[in-house]
Amino acid sequence: MPKILITNDDGIESKGLEALYDAASTFGDVYVFAPSSNQSATGHSLTLTRPLRVKEIRKHWFSVDGTPTDCVNVALNGFLEDRTPDLILSGINIGTNLGDDVTYSGTIAAAMEGTLLGISSVAISQDCEEKTSTDFGLAKKSIIFLAQKILNEKLPPRVFLNINVPNISEEGCLGIQITSQGKRVYGDRIVKRKDPRGTDYFWIGGDKLNSRNEPNTDFAAIESNQISITPVKMDLTDEEYKLHLKKWDFDEFI
């Protein structure tokens, strides 16, 4: 039976994590290493300034007081050295990770870390809100289907999958679309307030983010009630612009 490592950024108590565990348990031997608290928007950060505490809360379930990236590192290098996972699943995130969100998301970061460590990795998110009663049936069905294909074929080196699922029933889903990463139009605003001592403090956010609903993007798929699968490369080099840079006169520097 394949070994599956799952994690998230919403924390060890997330309903999405429990749903992902239920789905993964149908095809693998599952280990959970997840943050002890919500780590949304922590990006691909490692904790280097303090020790990490790991607590087993039930069989094969571990709580880590760190980031999603920490969780993957602790699992692979501290606990599962002789049980290297065949697949890493990160999610099910409460809310989508579309377009430029990939640069902030802890869910995405865990899949990145698994990819850097040479393990086929997937991030999966659902278009839903934390406080609503969520049906993860479609997300669970999709990950069971896709995981089998990945386990049979493996993902290419330094590539992971970013999966986003619309918040609809299985019957309402219009299929799976292979997509490109869309673009956010950021509407974030800074909310400035004063604390009881008269000192200014700030909240980032408040405005709903907008998207450019371009064809064949992850945004367009979700709007069309389709599951979006975007393959993401770890190599961020712009090869086309490298050719342009080579035309600059660097002799002036010498």
Protein backbone atom coordinates (compact mmCIF):
# COMPACT_ATOMS: atom_id res chain seq x y z
CA MET A 1 0.00 0.00 0.00
CA PRO A 2 1.44 3.43 -0.94
CA LYS A 3 2.49 5.77 1.86
CA ILE A 4 0.80 9.16 1.85
CA LEU A 5 1.83 12.27 3.79
CA ILE A 6 -0.83 14.93 4.20
CA THR A 7 -0.59 18.44 5.61
CA ASN A 8 -2.31 21.82 5.28
CA ASP A 9 -2.09 25.45 6.34
CA ASP A 10 -5.49 25.78 8.03
CA GLY A 11 -4.30 23.78 11.02
CA ILE A 12 -4.65 20.36 12.58
CA GLU A 13 -8.33 20.88 13.46
CA SER A 14 -9.48 21.83 9.96
CA LYS A 15 -12.47 20.00 8.50
CA GLY A 16 -10.69 20.05 5.16
CA LEU A 17 -7.75 18.12 6.60
CA GLU A 18 -10.08 15.49 8.03
CA ALA A 19 -11.80 15.17 4.66
CA LEU A 20 -8.47 14.74 2.89
CA TYR A 21 -7.44 12.08 5.40
CA ASP A 22 -10.70 10.20 4.77
CA ALA A 23 -10.10 10.29 1.02
CA ALA A 24 -6.41 9.31 1.18
CA SER A 25 -7.15 6.45 3.56
CA THR A 26 -9.09 4.70 0.79
CA PHE A 27 -5.90 4.13 -1.23
CA GLY A 28 -2.91 4.55 1.08
CA ASP A 29 -1.26 4.31 4.48
CA VAL A 30 -1.64 7.90 5.68
CA TYR A 31 0.45 10.07 8.00
CA VAL A 32 -0.71 13.54 9.02
CA PHE A 33 1.74 16.30 9.98
CA ALA A 34 -0.14 19.60 10.20
CA PRO A 35 0.35 22.97 11.90
CA SER A 36 -0.98 23.29 15.44
CA SER A 37 -2.57 26.64 14.47
CA ASN A 38 -3.74 28.39 11.32
CA GLN A 39 -0.79 29.19 9.03
CA SER A 40 -2.61 30.68 6.06
CA ALA A 41 -0.55 33.06 3.89
CA THR A 42 2.74 32.05 5.53
CA GLY A 43 4.14 31.22 2.12
CA HIS A 44 7.22 29.03 1.77
CA SER A 45 8.68 29.96 5.16
CA LEU A 46 10.83 27.85 7.48
CA THR A 47 11.15 28.31 11.23
CA LEU A 48 14.86 28.77 11.96
CA THR A 49 14.89 30.87 15.14
CA ARG A 50 13.36 28.43 17.64
CA PRO A 51 12.87 24.69 18.11
CA LEU A 52 9.74 22.98 16.78
CA ARG A 53 7.44 20.99 19.05
CA VAL A 54 5.72 17.92 17.66
CA LYS A 55 2.83 16.21 19.43
CA GLU A 56 1.12 12.97 18.42
CA ILE A 57 -2.58 13.54 18.98
CA ARG A 58 -3.73 10.17 17.66
CA LYS A 59 -2.24 7.32 15.67
CA HIS A 60 -0.30 8.73 12.69
CA TRP A 61 -1.59 12.26 13.42
CA PHE A 62 1.03 14.81 14.48
CA SER A 63 0.62 18.46 15.40
CA VAL A 64 3.61 20.72 14.61
CA ASP A 65 3.94 24.25 16.02
CA GLY A 66 5.31 25.62 12.77
CA THR A 67 4.55 26.37 9.13
CA PRO A 68 3.39 23.91 6.45
CA THR A 69 6.96 23.85 5.12
CA ASP A 70 8.16 22.97 8.62
CA CYS A 71 5.61 20.15 8.75
CA VAL A 72 6.91 18.54 5.56
CA ASN A 73 10.52 18.83 6.70
CA VAL A 74 9.83 17.44 10.17
CA ALA A 75 7.84 14.55 8.74
CA LEU A 76 10.40 13.53 6.12
CA ASN A 77 13.59 14.17 8.05
CA GLY A 78 12.52 13.56 11.62
CA PHE A 79 9.95 10.78 11.56
CA LEU A 80 9.58 9.05 8.20
CA GLU A 81 13.20 8.55 7.14
CA ASP A 82 12.63 4.82 6.62
CA ARG A 83 9.08 5.28 5.31
CA THR A 84 9.49 7.83 2.52
CA PRO A 85 6.03 8.81 1.22
CA ASP A 86 5.03 8.01 -2.31
CA LEU A 87 2.82 11.10 -2.43
CA ILE A 88 2.32 14.34 -0.49
CA LEU A 89 -1.13 15.94 -0.38
CA SER A 90 -1.65 19.44 1.02
CA GLY A 91 -5.20 20.58 1.87
CA ILE A 92 -8.10 20.48 1.54
CA ASN A 93 -7.69 24.24 1.89
CA ILE A 94 -10.68 26.29 2.98
CA GLY A 95 -10.87 28.70 0.04
CA THR A 96 -9.25 28.65 -3.37
CA ASN A 97 -5.59 29.15 -4.22
CA LEU A 98 -5.86 30.69 -7.67
CA GLY A 99 -3.54 32.83 -9.76
CA ASP A 100 -1.01 34.85 -7.83
CA ASP A 101 -2.20 33.31 -4.55
CA VAL A 102 0.46 30.66 -5.09
CA THR A 103 3.10 33.14 -3.92
CA TYR A 104 1.44 33.52 -0.51
CA SER A 105 -0.27 30.22 0.20
CA GLY A 106 0.99 27.86 2.88
CA THR A 107 -1.00 25.08 1.19
CA ILE A 108 0.97 25.61 -2.00
CA ALA A 109 4.23 25.94 -0.05
CA ALA A 110 3.88 22.46 1.43
CA ALA A 111 3.54 21.01 -2.08
CA MET A 112 6.55 23.06 -3.16
CA GLU A 113 8.63 21.66 -0.32
CA GLY A 114 7.65 18.10 -1.13
CA THR A 115 8.58 18.72 -4.76
CA LEU A 116 11.98 20.14 -3.81
CA LEU A 117 12.58 17.00 -1.75
CA GLY A 118 11.82 14.79 -4.75
CA ILE A 119 8.32 13.55 -3.88
CA SER A 120 5.25 13.89 -6.12
CA SER A 121 3.12 16.55 -4.45
CA VAL A 122 -0.33 18.05 -4.83
CA ALA A 123 -2.06 21.09 -3.33
CA ILE A 124 -5.86 20.94 -3.26
CA SER A 125 -8.23 23.74 -2.31
CA GLN A 126 -11.99 24.24 -2.36
CA ASP A 127 -13.98 27.39 -3.01
CA CYS A 128 -15.70 27.64 0.36
CA GLU A 129 -15.74 29.62 3.58
CA GLU A 130 -14.50 28.48 6.98
CA LYS A 131 -17.71 29.10 8.91
CA THR A 132 -20.08 27.42 6.48
CA SER A 133 -20.97 23.73 6.65
CA THR A 134 -18.91 22.36 3.78
CA ASP A 135 -19.49 19.32 1.64
CA PHE A 136 -16.08 18.07 0.52
CA GLY A 137 -17.54 15.25 -1.58
CA LEU A 138 -16.36 16.58 -4.93
CA ALA A 139 -12.87 17.40 -3.64
CA LYS A 140 -12.53 13.94 -2.10
CA LYS A 141 -13.70 12.26 -5.30
CA SER A 142 -11.22 14.28 -7.37
CA ILE A 143 -8.22 13.55 -5.17
CA ILE A 144 -8.99 9.81 -5.07
CA PHE A 145 -9.18 9.80 -8.88
CA LEU A 146 -6.08 11.92 -9.48
CA ALA A 147 -3.90 10.33 -6.81
CA GLN A 148 -4.22 6.95 -8.46
CA LYS A 149 -2.95 8.39 -11.73
CA ILE A 150 -0.04 10.17 -10.02
CA LEU A 151 0.94 7.05 -8.07
CA ASN A 152 0.98 5.07 -11.32
CA GLU A 153 2.88 7.64 -13.39
CA LYS A 154 4.66 9.99 -10.93
CA LEU A 155 4.99 13.71 -11.59
CA PRO A 156 7.99 15.13 -13.46
CA PRO A 157 10.87 16.44 -11.33
CA ARG A 158 10.30 19.93 -9.91
CA VAL A 159 6.62 20.02 -10.94
CA PHE A 160 3.59 19.85 -8.66
CA LEU A 161 -0.15 20.13 -9.22
CA ASN A 162 -2.34 22.93 -7.91
CA ILE A 163 -5.95 21.69 -7.80
CA ASN A 164 -8.93 23.95 -7.13
CA VAL A 165 -12.46 22.64 -6.69
CA PRO A 166 -15.69 24.66 -7.02
CA ASN A 167 -18.08 24.60 -4.08
CA ILE A 168 -20.75 22.53 -5.79
CA SER A 169 -22.12 19.00 -5.60
CA GLU A 170 -20.62 16.10 -7.48
CA GLU A 171 -23.62 16.16 -9.81
CA GLY A 172 -23.10 19.85 -10.61
CA CYS A 173 -19.46 19.49 -11.65
CA LEU A 174 -18.86 19.96 -15.38
CA GLY A 175 -15.55 18.09 -15.43
CA ILE A 176 -11.84 18.76 -15.08
CA GLN A 177 -9.96 21.47 -16.95
CA ILE A 178 -6.17 21.70 -17.32
CA THR A 179 -5.49 25.37 -16.73
CA SER A 180 -2.89 28.11 -16.64
CA GLN A 181 -2.26 30.29 -13.61
CA GLY A 182 -4.51 33.33 -13.73
CA LYS A 183 -3.81 36.86 -12.49
CA ARG A 184 -5.18 38.64 -9.45
CA VAL A 185 -6.15 42.29 -9.44
CA TYR A 186 -5.22 43.08 -5.86
CA GLY A 187 -7.66 45.28 -3.99
CA ASP A 188 -6.07 44.93 -0.57
CA ARG A 189 -6.36 47.98 1.61
CA ILE A 190 -4.72 48.88 4.87
CA VAL A 191 -7.13 49.44 7.76
CA LYS A 192 -5.59 51.89 10.21
CA ARG A 193 -6.87 52.01 13.79
CA LYS A 194 -5.73 53.03 17.26
CA ASP A 195 -5.28 50.75 20.25
CA PRO A 196 -6.49 51.74 23.77
CA ARG A 197 -3.15 53.48 24.37
CA GLY A 198 -3.50 55.66 21.30
CA THR A 199 -0.90 53.86 19.20
CA ASP A 200 -1.66 53.21 15.52
CA TYR A 201 -2.00 49.65 14.31
CA PHE A 202 -2.84 48.21 10.91
CA TRP A 203 -4.81 45.34 9.40
CA ILE A 204 -3.91 44.20 5.89
CA GLY A 205 -6.94 43.31 3.79
CA GLY A 206 -10.61 44.08 3.82
CA ASP A 207 -11.43 44.32 0.13
CA LYS A 208 -12.39 41.24 -1.83
CA LEU A 209 -9.78 40.47 -4.48
CA ASN A 210 -10.81 40.55 -8.10
CA SER A 211 -9.52 38.42 -10.95
CA ARG A 212 -9.00 38.75 -14.65
CA ASN A 213 -11.34 36.07 -15.90
CA GLU A 214 -9.22 35.10 -18.91
CA PRO A 215 -9.97 31.90 -20.87
CA ASN A 216 -8.27 28.64 -19.87
CA THR A 217 -7.15 29.96 -16.48
CA ASP A 218 -7.82 28.52 -13.05
CA PHE A 219 -10.27 31.39 -12.37
CA ALA A 220 -12.26 30.62 -15.51
CA ALA A 221 -12.53 26.93 -14.63
CA ILE A 222 -13.93 27.61 -11.16
CA GLU A 223 -16.41 30.14 -12.58
CA SER A 224 -17.52 27.43 -15.04
CA ASN A 225 -18.09 24.84 -12.28
CA GLN A 226 -15.07 22.82 -13.36
CA ILE A 227 -12.17 21.46 -11.33
CA SER A 228 -8.96 23.31 -12.18
CA ILE A 229 -5.61 21.53 -12.39
CA THR A 230 -2.58 23.74 -12.96
CA PRO A 231 0.88 22.15 -13.23
CA VAL A 232 3.37 24.46 -11.52
CA LYS A 233 7.13 24.50 -12.17
CA MET A 234 9.64 25.28 -9.46
CA ASP A 235 12.02 26.92 -11.96
CA LEU A 236 11.03 30.61 -12.05
CA THR A 237 13.62 31.59 -14.66
CA ASP A 238 12.27 33.69 -17.53
CA GLU A 239 14.16 32.06 -20.40
CA GLU A 240 12.83 34.50 -23.01
CA TYR A 241 13.96 37.55 -21.07
CA LYS A 242 17.38 35.96 -20.53
CA LEU A 243 17.89 36.25 -24.28
CA HIS A 244 17.00 39.93 -24.11
CA LEU A 245 19.36 40.58 -21.22
CA LYS A 246 22.23 39.09 -23.17
CA LYS A 247 21.86 41.99 -25.61
CA TRP A 248 22.76 44.52 -22.93
CA ASP A 249 26.27 45.95 -23.16
CA PHE A 250 27.92 44.46 -20.08
CA ASP A 251 31.37 45.49 -21.33
CA GLU A 252 30.70 48.86 -19.71
CA PHE A 253 30.87 47.17 -16.34
CA ILE A 254 34.44 45.93 -16.74
